[in-house]
């Protein structure tokens, strides 16, 4: 039987969509490929019962895309557009050296950092994510298909947002695609709360997607370059070139919008406040309830990143001159020191240590205890330990392959089933609500298949479960 191929493109001017969609029918198989023009994109093949059903499914997909503005095209007629990257601009600080305890060179400019009691993670523009202990030992490495924009935590789960338009779950041994936003959406930042994903992008848009990877709402703004999105149980906080806005988490109703005197380059949140670092060298602390300015923290150059100690008792900032600052809660500057390893694109504070990821790709651990800072201001700092990854450290990459298990193995049994046009997952074991779905990686779902999940945990707000840890397919 002759193979039939339909190739479509949607290319908009002014930095809009620039993507392709291809449908190939080969007997009973339909293969769909999509992504940015000029790139390989993502591919999935579905088998149907008969050639006629395959043809019908393909025609439906093509019709949907044509109605959305796609047009028939010839592959190769348009060239790829570059993905926008945050400019890696950094100059050397003239301040005294900060007390860096150790530093790890990840190999490329690094945006993503996450720190908890057990480990630190750094993600860079080559797609590498390294795990490092608090004493400076590299223990693991993931390699994702594109540059890592950010690493965020949602309870027990760790996610990395990437330049390929996907968000990967890093909580198991193997990275799994948790959310597929769109190959043409240029992600600047993501945040996740209880399975609900907030996305901010190059065009200034805020988009919210639920635990089933289904679109909930989006808001366009007058500004662009949205480098800030933070989510909690009540709201989404969105920062861009025109200021910071709050939207209700459900439905996206605007609550307030506050200008901050410059374009927002980074965002942080604590329980009652959000923090916006700006290109005008300031960090603004805004009340979550009404958006009023509670304090302003003034740096000497554009702020690339910021963070706070719990409840904002200290506020930290990193500027493009490779300086790092600490302020008291009321805005009083306590100190300014040099990182010695580039400008901090992201940062996080934990237990008197400030963890930075920088323009030169370093993950640096800085001792910010009072004694260490006093010594540094007098010119006395420790010699940093230069951490090296173990030779031959294997990089674990995303895969659709799933290990097999038997019913004798420990875990929770879940099943994939078809619900209209969607594939969903439910728990089969006793003691769980079979009417509640499970947040589960999309790429490995197959109708009728059963899987053994390390754990299934109840979501914070109830109504669905979340798969945690390693996933195996039951034989």
Protein backbone atom coordinates (compact mmCIF):
# COMPACT_ATOMS: atom_id res chain seq x y z
CA UNK A 1 0.00 0.00 0.00
CA UNK A 2 1.30 3.45 -0.92
CA UNK A 3 2.45 5.64 1.94
CA UNK A 4 0.65 9.02 2.10
CA UNK A 5 2.27 12.11 3.59
CA UNK A 6 0.68 15.46 4.45
CA UNK A 7 3.05 18.23 5.52
CA UNK A 8 1.76 21.51 7.00
CA UNK A 9 3.37 24.64 8.42
CA UNK A 10 2.27 27.61 10.48
CA UNK A 11 4.68 30.55 10.34
CA UNK A 12 3.77 33.94 11.78
CA UNK A 13 5.72 37.18 11.53
CA UNK A 14 7.00 39.19 14.45
CA UNK A 15 8.39 36.23 16.39
CA UNK A 16 5.12 34.28 16.44
CA UNK A 17 4.55 30.60 15.71
CA UNK A 18 7.03 28.88 13.39
CA UNK A 19 6.14 25.19 13.44
CA UNK A 20 5.35 22.17 11.29
CA UNK A 21 2.92 19.26 11.48
CA UNK A 22 3.32 16.13 9.38
CA UNK A 23 0.96 13.14 9.10
CA UNK A 24 2.12 9.92 7.44
CA UNK A 25 -0.33 7.07 6.76
CA UNK A 26 1.29 3.69 6.11
CA UNK A 27 -1.32 0.93 6.02
CA UNK A 28 -2.87 0.81 9.50
CA UNK A 29 -0.16 3.04 11.05
CA UNK A 30 -0.41 6.81 11.43
CA UNK A 31 2.80 8.67 12.33
CA UNK A 32 2.50 12.28 13.47
CA UNK A 33 5.54 14.54 13.69
CA UNK A 34 5.50 18.12 14.92
CA UNK A 35 7.82 20.79 16.25
CA UNK A 36 9.75 23.89 15.26
CA UNK A 37 10.43 24.30 11.56
CA UNK A 38 13.92 23.11 10.72
CA UNK A 39 14.13 20.71 13.65
CA UNK A 40 13.33 17.01 13.90
CA UNK A 41 10.57 17.58 16.43
CA UNK A 42 8.55 14.95 18.24
CA UNK A 43 7.14 11.80 16.65
CA UNK A 44 4.49 9.29 17.62
CA UNK A 45 3.04 6.31 15.73
CA UNK A 46 -0.44 4.92 16.42
CA UNK A 47 -1.77 1.63 15.02
CA UNK A 48 -5.44 1.34 13.94
CA UNK A 49 -7.60 -1.69 13.30
CA UNK A 50 -7.98 -1.08 9.56
CA UNK A 51 -6.45 1.15 6.85
CA UNK A 52 -9.78 2.96 6.57
CA UNK A 53 -9.72 3.91 10.26
CA UNK A 54 -6.13 5.06 9.90
CA UNK A 55 -7.10 7.28 6.95
CA UNK A 56 -10.04 8.73 8.89
CA UNK A 57 -7.89 9.54 11.92
CA UNK A 58 -5.26 11.20 9.74
CA UNK A 59 -7.87 13.29 7.91
CA UNK A 60 -9.28 14.46 11.24
CA UNK A 61 -5.85 15.58 12.46
CA UNK A 62 -5.08 17.43 9.23
CA UNK A 63 -8.48 19.14 9.30
CA UNK A 64 -7.93 20.34 12.86
CA UNK A 65 -4.61 21.92 11.93
CA UNK A 66 -5.94 23.58 8.78
CA UNK A 67 -8.69 25.18 10.84
CA UNK A 68 -6.03 26.55 13.20
CA UNK A 69 -4.22 28.34 10.37
CA UNK A 70 -1.74 25.75 9.15
CA UNK A 71 -1.21 25.52 5.39
CA UNK A 72 0.20 22.89 3.03
CA UNK A 73 3.92 23.42 2.48
CA UNK A 74 7.10 21.81 1.21
CA UNK A 75 9.58 20.67 3.83
CA UNK A 76 12.76 22.77 3.66
CA UNK A 77 11.10 25.81 2.09
CA UNK A 78 11.38 27.78 5.33
CA UNK A 79 14.43 27.93 7.53
CA UNK A 80 14.61 27.42 11.26
CA UNK A 81 14.37 30.42 13.57
CA UNK A 82 16.82 30.57 16.46
CA UNK A 83 15.44 29.98 19.96
CA UNK A 84 15.96 33.13 21.97
CA UNK A 85 18.43 32.78 24.81
CA UNK A 86 18.92 35.14 27.68
CA UNK A 87 21.98 37.21 26.79
CA UNK A 88 25.02 35.94 28.67
CA UNK A 89 26.35 39.34 29.68
CA UNK A 90 28.69 39.42 32.63
CA UNK A 91 31.46 41.72 33.80
CA UNK A 92 33.93 41.30 36.62
CA UNK A 93 32.91 42.63 40.02
CA UNK A 94 35.17 45.10 41.79
CA UNK A 95 33.87 44.01 45.20
CA UNK A 96 35.80 41.75 47.59
CA UNK A 97 35.54 38.02 46.99
CA UNK A 98 32.62 36.12 48.53
CA UNK A 99 33.45 33.08 50.71
CA UNK A 100 32.83 30.37 48.10
CA UNK A 101 33.18 26.92 49.70
CA UNK A 102 33.09 24.91 46.46
CA UNK A 103 32.19 25.33 42.82
CA UNK A 104 31.35 22.94 40.03
CA UNK A 105 31.80 23.81 36.34
CA UNK A 106 28.79 22.29 34.53
CA UNK A 107 30.11 23.08 31.04
CA UNK A 108 27.70 25.78 29.81
CA UNK A 109 25.79 28.84 31.04
CA UNK A 110 23.42 27.64 33.78
CA UNK A 111 19.92 28.91 34.56
CA UNK A 112 18.44 26.10 36.63
CA UNK A 113 19.15 25.42 40.30
CA UNK A 114 17.31 23.46 42.97
CA UNK A 115 18.47 22.76 46.52
CA UNK A 116 16.93 20.70 49.31
CA UNK A 117 18.26 18.87 52.39
CA UNK A 118 19.56 15.98 50.30
CA UNK A 119 21.21 17.48 47.24
CA UNK A 120 21.70 20.33 44.76
CA UNK A 121 20.79 20.26 41.06
CA UNK A 122 22.20 22.48 38.31
CA UNK A 123 20.84 22.60 34.74
CA UNK A 124 22.67 24.26 31.85
CA UNK A 125 22.18 25.35 28.23
CA UNK A 126 23.58 22.07 26.89
CA UNK A 127 20.67 20.21 28.50
CA UNK A 128 22.80 18.70 31.26
CA UNK A 129 21.43 18.41 34.79
CA UNK A 130 23.93 17.39 37.47
CA UNK A 131 23.22 16.27 41.03
CA UNK A 132 25.76 17.44 43.61
CA UNK A 133 25.88 16.77 47.36
CA UNK A 134 26.16 19.62 49.85
CA UNK A 135 29.81 18.83 50.44
CA UNK A 136 30.57 19.01 46.71
CA UNK A 137 30.39 15.49 45.26
CA UNK A 138 28.78 14.92 41.86
CA UNK A 139 26.47 11.90 42.15
CA UNK A 140 24.39 11.90 38.97
CA UNK A 141 23.72 13.39 35.56
CA UNK A 142 20.68 13.67 33.32
CA UNK A 143 20.97 14.82 29.72
CA UNK A 144 17.85 16.46 28.27
CA UNK A 145 17.30 17.22 24.55
CA UNK A 146 17.61 21.01 24.84
CA UNK A 147 18.75 23.83 27.09
CA UNK A 148 17.43 23.85 30.66
CA UNK A 149 15.71 27.14 31.51
CA UNK A 150 14.77 26.34 35.12
CA UNK A 151 14.48 23.63 37.76
CA UNK A 152 11.53 23.81 40.15
CA UNK A 153 10.16 21.67 42.97
CA UNK A 154 6.55 20.72 43.62
CA UNK A 155 6.41 18.88 46.92
CA UNK A 156 8.37 15.65 46.29
CA UNK A 157 8.63 16.16 42.52
CA UNK A 158 11.45 17.94 40.67
CA UNK A 159 10.86 19.37 37.18
CA UNK A 160 13.09 20.91 34.52
CA UNK A 161 11.65 23.31 31.92
CA UNK A 162 13.52 23.14 28.61
CA UNK A 163 13.91 25.03 25.35
CA UNK A 164 12.19 22.20 23.44
CA UNK A 165 8.82 23.25 24.91
CA UNK A 166 8.63 20.35 27.36
CA UNK A 167 8.84 20.00 31.12
CA UNK A 168 10.61 16.88 32.40
CA UNK A 169 9.99 15.05 35.68
CA UNK A 170 13.37 14.27 37.26
CA UNK A 171 11.98 12.44 40.29
CA UNK A 172 12.78 8.91 39.06
CA UNK A 173 15.83 7.17 37.68
CA UNK A 174 14.89 8.23 34.14
CA UNK A 175 13.61 11.69 33.04
CA UNK A 176 10.03 11.54 31.78
CA UNK A 177 8.07 14.18 29.86
CA UNK A 178 5.46 15.50 32.29
CA UNK A 179 4.10 18.43 30.23
CA UNK A 180 4.27 19.24 26.53
CA UNK A 181 3.60 22.94 26.17
CA UNK A 182 4.33 23.51 22.47
CA UNK A 183 7.45 23.29 20.39
CA UNK A 184 6.97 26.90 19.23
CA UNK A 185 6.54 28.36 22.73
CA UNK A 186 9.83 29.90 23.81
CA UNK A 187 9.75 29.08 27.53
CA UNK A 188 11.39 31.61 29.81
CA UNK A 189 10.29 30.19 33.16
CA UNK A 190 7.95 27.63 34.70
CA UNK A 191 6.61 26.96 38.17
CA UNK A 192 4.41 24.13 39.42
CA UNK A 193 2.08 23.91 42.40
CA UNK A 194 0.21 20.69 43.17
CA UNK A 195 0.53 19.47 39.60
CA UNK A 196 -0.67 22.71 38.00
CA UNK A 197 1.95 24.24 35.68
CA UNK A 198 2.45 27.96 35.13
CA UNK A 199 4.49 29.05 32.10
CA UNK A 200 5.87 32.46 31.16
CA UNK A 201 7.35 33.00 27.73
CA UNK A 202 9.20 35.27 25.36
CA UNK A 203 6.02 36.99 24.18
CA UNK A 204 5.05 37.96 27.74
CA UNK A 205 2.23 35.43 27.96
CA UNK A 206 1.24 33.50 31.10
CA UNK A 207 -0.25 30.04 30.48
CA UNK A 208 -1.62 27.54 32.98
CA UNK A 209 -1.86 23.78 32.34
CA UNK A 210 -3.38 21.21 34.70
CA UNK A 211 -2.06 17.87 35.99
CA UNK A 212 -3.39 16.06 32.90
CA UNK A 213 -1.39 18.38 30.64
CA UNK A 214 -4.62 20.08 29.54
CA UNK A 215 -4.77 23.81 28.83
CA UNK A 216 -6.64 25.82 31.48
CA UNK A 217 -6.16 29.49 30.63
CA UNK A 218 -3.70 32.04 29.22
CA UNK A 219 -3.24 35.78 29.56
CA UNK A 220 -1.52 38.09 27.08
CA UNK A 221 -0.07 41.36 28.32
CA UNK A 222 1.15 44.66 26.87
CA UNK A 223 4.71 43.71 27.79
CA UNK A 224 6.99 40.91 26.65
CA UNK A 225 9.95 38.83 27.91
CA UNK A 226 8.17 37.23 30.87
CA UNK A 227 11.05 35.94 33.03
CA UNK A 228 8.89 35.51 36.13
CA UNK A 229 6.12 33.08 36.97
CA UNK A 230 5.43 31.86 40.49
CA UNK A 231 2.47 29.74 41.60
CA UNK A 232 0.80 29.00 44.91
CA UNK A 233 -2.54 27.47 45.86
CA UNK A 234 -4.44 30.69 45.21
CA UNK A 235 -2.76 32.54 42.39
CA UNK A 236 -0.21 32.85 39.60
CA UNK A 237 2.27 35.77 39.81
CA UNK A 238 3.56 36.91 36.44
CA UNK A 239 6.43 39.33 35.78
CA UNK A 240 7.41 40.81 32.40
CA UNK A 241 8.65 44.03 30.81
CA UNK A 242 5.64 46.04 32.08
CA UNK A 243 5.57 44.89 35.72
CA UNK A 244 4.09 42.14 37.88
CA UNK A 245 0.51 40.85 37.85
CA UNK A 246 -1.52 38.44 39.97
CA UNK A 247 -4.14 36.12 38.43
CA UNK A 248 -6.48 33.77 40.22
CA UNK A 249 -5.18 30.21 39.93
CA UNK A 250 -8.57 28.92 38.77
CA UNK A 251 -9.87 30.77 35.73
CA UNK A 252 -7.08 33.34 35.53
CA UNK A 253 -9.09 36.40 36.59
CA UNK A 254 -6.77 39.45 36.95
CA UNK A 255 -6.46 40.60 40.58
CA UNK A 256 -3.80 43.34 40.43
CA UNK A 257 -0.94 44.64 38.33
CA UNK A 258 1.98 46.67 39.69
CA UNK A 259 4.69 48.47 37.66
CA UNK A 260 8.18 48.07 39.11
CA UNK A 261 10.07 50.71 37.16
CA UNK A 262 11.74 48.34 34.74
CA UNK A 263 11.62 44.98 33.02
CA UNK A 264 11.39 41.98 35.37
CA UNK A 265 14.34 39.59 34.95
CA UNK A 266 13.64 37.17 37.81
CA UNK A 267 11.03 36.30 40.41
CA UNK A 268 10.92 34.68 43.84
CA UNK A 269 8.15 34.06 46.35
CA UNK A 270 7.67 33.53 50.06
CA UNK A 271 4.43 32.88 51.93
CA UNK A 272 2.99 36.40 51.79
CA UNK A 273 5.21 38.23 49.30
CA UNK A 274 6.64 37.99 45.81
CA UNK A 275 10.00 39.45 44.77
CA UNK A 276 10.83 40.86 41.33
CA UNK A 277 14.39 41.58 40.26
CA UNK A 278 14.57 44.24 37.53
CA UNK A 279 16.82 45.55 34.79
CA UNK A 280 17.03 48.86 36.66
CA UNK A 281 19.01 47.28 39.51
CA UNK A 282 16.22 46.87 42.05
CA UNK A 283 14.39 44.03 43.75
CA UNK A 284 10.78 44.87 44.63
CA UNK A 285 8.93 43.03 47.39
CA UNK A 286 5.19 43.06 46.65
CA UNK A 287 2.35 41.95 48.90
CA UNK A 288 0.61 38.93 47.41
CA UNK A 289 -2.78 40.14 48.64
CA UNK A 290 -2.93 43.52 46.87
CA UNK A 291 0.32 44.08 44.94
CA UNK A 292 1.49 47.05 47.01
CA UNK A 293 5.24 47.63 47.26
CA UNK A 294 6.47 46.58 50.71
CA UNK A 295 10.19 47.23 50.20
CA UNK A 296 12.76 48.00 47.51
CA UNK A 297 16.28 46.53 47.57
CA UNK A 298 18.73 48.63 45.55
CA UNK A 299 21.69 47.09 43.72
CA UNK A 300 24.33 48.79 41.55
CA UNK A 301 23.44 47.07 38.24
CA UNK A 302 20.71 45.07 36.52
CA UNK A 303 19.49 42.20 38.72
CA UNK A 304 19.69 38.76 37.06
CA UNK A 305 18.39 36.78 40.05
CA UNK A 306 17.12 37.05 43.60
CA UNK A 307 16.12 34.84 46.53
CA UNK A 308 15.10 35.15 50.16
CA UNK A 309 15.64 33.41 53.46
CA UNK A 310 12.43 31.95 54.95
CA UNK A 311 9.77 34.66 55.41
CA UNK A 312 12.12 37.20 53.85
CA UNK A 313 14.34 37.93 56.85
CA UNK A 314 17.22 38.29 54.37
CA UNK A 315 16.99 39.08 50.67
CA UNK A 316 19.74 38.17 48.20
CA UNK A 317 20.37 39.41 44.66
CA UNK A 318 22.88 38.83 41.88
CA UNK A 319 23.68 41.44 39.23
CA UNK A 320 25.30 41.32 35.80
CA UNK A 321 28.68 42.50 37.16
CA UNK A 322 29.11 39.15 38.98
CA UNK A 323 28.27 40.71 42.34
CA UNK A 324 26.00 39.18 44.96
CA UNK A 325 24.17 41.26 47.59
CA UNK A 326 22.43 40.67 50.91
CA UNK A 327 19.78 42.99 52.38
CA UNK A 328 17.87 43.10 55.62
CA UNK A 329 14.12 42.69 55.35
CA UNK A 330 13.49 46.45 55.39
CA UNK A 331 15.81 47.11 52.42
CA UNK A 332 19.07 47.96 54.21
CA UNK A 333 22.07 46.67 52.27
CA UNK A 334 24.20 44.47 54.51
CA UNK A 335 26.95 43.49 52.08
CA UNK A 336 28.10 43.18 48.48
CA UNK A 337 30.71 40.65 47.37
CA UNK A 338 32.03 39.13 44.14
CA UNK A 339 31.12 35.60 43.05
CA UNK A 340 34.42 35.02 41.26
CA UNK A 341 32.69 32.70 38.78
CA UNK A 342 30.27 34.79 36.71
CA UNK A 343 26.91 36.47 37.21
CA UNK A 344 24.21 34.51 39.03
CA UNK A 345 21.33 33.57 36.69
CA UNK A 346 19.52 31.79 39.56
CA UNK A 347 20.04 31.34 43.28
CA UNK A 348 18.63 29.61 46.33
CA UNK A 349 19.29 29.97 50.08
CA UNK A 350 19.46 27.08 52.57
CA UNK A 351 20.99 26.88 56.04
CA UNK A 352 23.38 29.86 55.86
CA UNK A 353 24.50 28.88 52.38
CA UNK A 354 23.64 30.59 49.11
CA UNK A 355 23.74 28.40 46.00
CA UNK A 356 24.34 30.19 42.70
CA UNK A 357 24.31 29.06 39.06
CA UNK A 358 26.10 31.43 36.75
CA UNK A 359 26.85 32.75 33.29
CA UNK A 360 30.01 30.64 33.06
CA UNK A 361 28.11 27.49 34.04
CA UNK A 362 29.23 27.18 37.65
CA UNK A 363 27.22 25.90 40.57
CA UNK A 364 28.78 27.70 43.54
CA UNK A 365 28.14 27.20 47.25
CA UNK A 366 28.70 30.43 49.22
CA UNK A 367 28.95 30.55 53.01
CA UNK A 368 26.73 33.49 54.02
CA UNK A 369 26.95 33.01 57.79
CA UNK A 370 27.69 36.22 59.72
CA UNK A 371 31.24 35.18 60.62
CA UNK A 372 32.11 34.12 57.06
CA UNK A 373 30.84 37.43 55.67
CA UNK A 374 32.76 39.47 58.28
CA UNK A 375 35.92 37.60 57.35
CA UNK A 376 35.27 38.11 53.62
CA UNK A 377 34.82 41.85 54.08
CA UNK A 378 38.27 41.88 55.69
CA UNK A 379 39.68 39.96 52.71
CA UNK A 380 39.87 36.54 54.36
CA UNK A 381 38.09 33.82 52.37
CA UNK A 382 38.59 30.04 52.05
CA UNK A 383 40.16 28.54 48.95
CA UNK A 384 37.21 27.12 46.97
CA UNK A 385 37.15 23.41 46.27
CA UNK A 386 36.90 22.88 42.51
CA UNK A 387 34.48 19.97 42.15
CA UNK A 388 34.95 17.55 39.27
CA UNK A 389 32.51 15.01 37.90
CA UNK A 390 33.71 11.43 38.09
CA UNK A 391 35.24 10.27 34.83
CA UNK A 392 32.80 8.10 32.92
CA UNK A 393 29.70 9.39 34.74
CA UNK A 394 26.85 8.10 32.57
CA UNK A 395 24.26 10.66 31.46
CA UNK A 396 20.70 9.32 31.78
CA UNK A 397 18.49 10.51 28.91
CA UNK A 398 14.70 10.60 28.50
CA UNK A 399 13.26 7.46 26.96
CA UNK A 400 9.91 5.91 26.12
CA UNK A 401 11.26 2.50 27.08
CA UNK A 402 9.82 1.14 30.32
CA UNK A 403 11.35 -1.66 32.38
CA UNK A 404 9.14 -4.67 33.05
CA UNK A 405 7.92 -6.01 36.37
CA UNK A 406 5.84 -8.88 37.69
CA UNK A 407 2.91 -8.89 40.09
CA UNK A 408 5.30 -10.18 42.77
CA UNK A 409 7.24 -6.90 42.75
CA UNK A 410 6.37 -4.17 45.24
CA UNK A 411 4.49 -1.06 44.16
CA UNK A 412 1.05 0.24 43.22
CA UNK A 413 -0.73 -1.11 40.13
CA UNK A 414 -2.23 1.43 37.75
CA UNK A 415 -3.95 1.01 34.38
CA UNK A 416 -4.10 3.15 31.25
CA UNK A 417 -7.55 3.44 29.67
CA UNK A 418 -9.16 5.39 26.86
CA UNK A 419 -11.54 8.22 27.80
CA UNK A 420 -12.87 9.60 24.52
CA UNK A 421 -9.85 10.94 22.66
CA UNK A 422 -7.68 10.98 25.79
CA UNK A 423 -5.59 8.30 27.43
CA UNK A 424 -5.89 8.43 31.20
CA UNK A 425 -4.53 6.39 34.11
CA UNK A 426 -6.32 5.07 37.22
CA UNK A 427 -5.30 3.05 40.27
CA UNK A 428 -6.37 -0.60 40.40
CA UNK A 429 -5.16 -1.49 43.90
CA UNK A 430 -7.62 -1.56 46.77
CA UNK A 431 -7.78 1.43 49.08
CA UNK A 432 -7.69 4.02 46.30
CA UNK A 433 -10.55 5.86 44.59
CA UNK A 434 -10.82 4.26 41.13
CA UNK A 435 -12.72 7.31 39.89
CA UNK A 436 -9.69 9.55 40.36
CA UNK A 437 -7.07 9.78 37.62
CA UNK A 438 -3.31 9.61 38.11
CA UNK A 439 -0.84 12.22 36.91
CA UNK A 440 1.36 10.00 34.76
CA UNK A 441 3.90 10.55 31.93
CA UNK A 442 2.11 10.94 28.60
CA UNK A 443 4.72 9.40 26.34
CA UNK A 444 4.52 5.91 27.84
CA UNK A 445 0.72 5.61 28.07
CA UNK A 446 -0.77 2.72 26.10
CA UNK A 447 -4.47 1.79 26.31
CA UNK A 448 -5.02 -1.36 28.34
CA UNK A 449 -1.46 -1.47 29.68
CA UNK A 450 -0.84 -1.92 33.40
CA UNK A 451 2.09 -0.41 35.23
CA UNK A 452 3.76 -0.81 38.60
CA UNK A 453 4.48 2.57 40.19
CA UNK A 454 6.85 3.01 43.10
CA UNK A 455 4.28 5.18 44.92
CA UNK A 456 0.97 6.93 44.25
CA UNK A 457 0.39 10.01 46.35
CA UNK A 458 -2.74 12.09 46.87
CA UNK A 459 -2.61 15.61 45.46
CA UNK A 460 -2.72 18.49 47.92
CA UNK A 461 -6.17 19.67 46.86
CA UNK A 462 -7.55 16.18 46.30
CA UNK A 463 -9.38 14.79 43.29
CA UNK A 464 -6.41 13.05 41.64
CA UNK A 465 -3.28 11.08 42.43
CA UNK A 466 0.32 11.62 41.37
CA UNK A 467 2.77 8.91 40.32
CA UNK A 468 6.07 9.16 42.16
CA UNK A 469 9.38 7.43 41.52
CA UNK A 470 10.18 4.65 39.09
CA UNK A 471 7.58 3.21 36.72
CA UNK A 472 7.62 -0.32 35.29
CA UNK A 473 5.25 -2.12 32.96
CA UNK A 474 3.58 -5.27 34.23
CA UNK A 475 4.11 -8.35 32.10
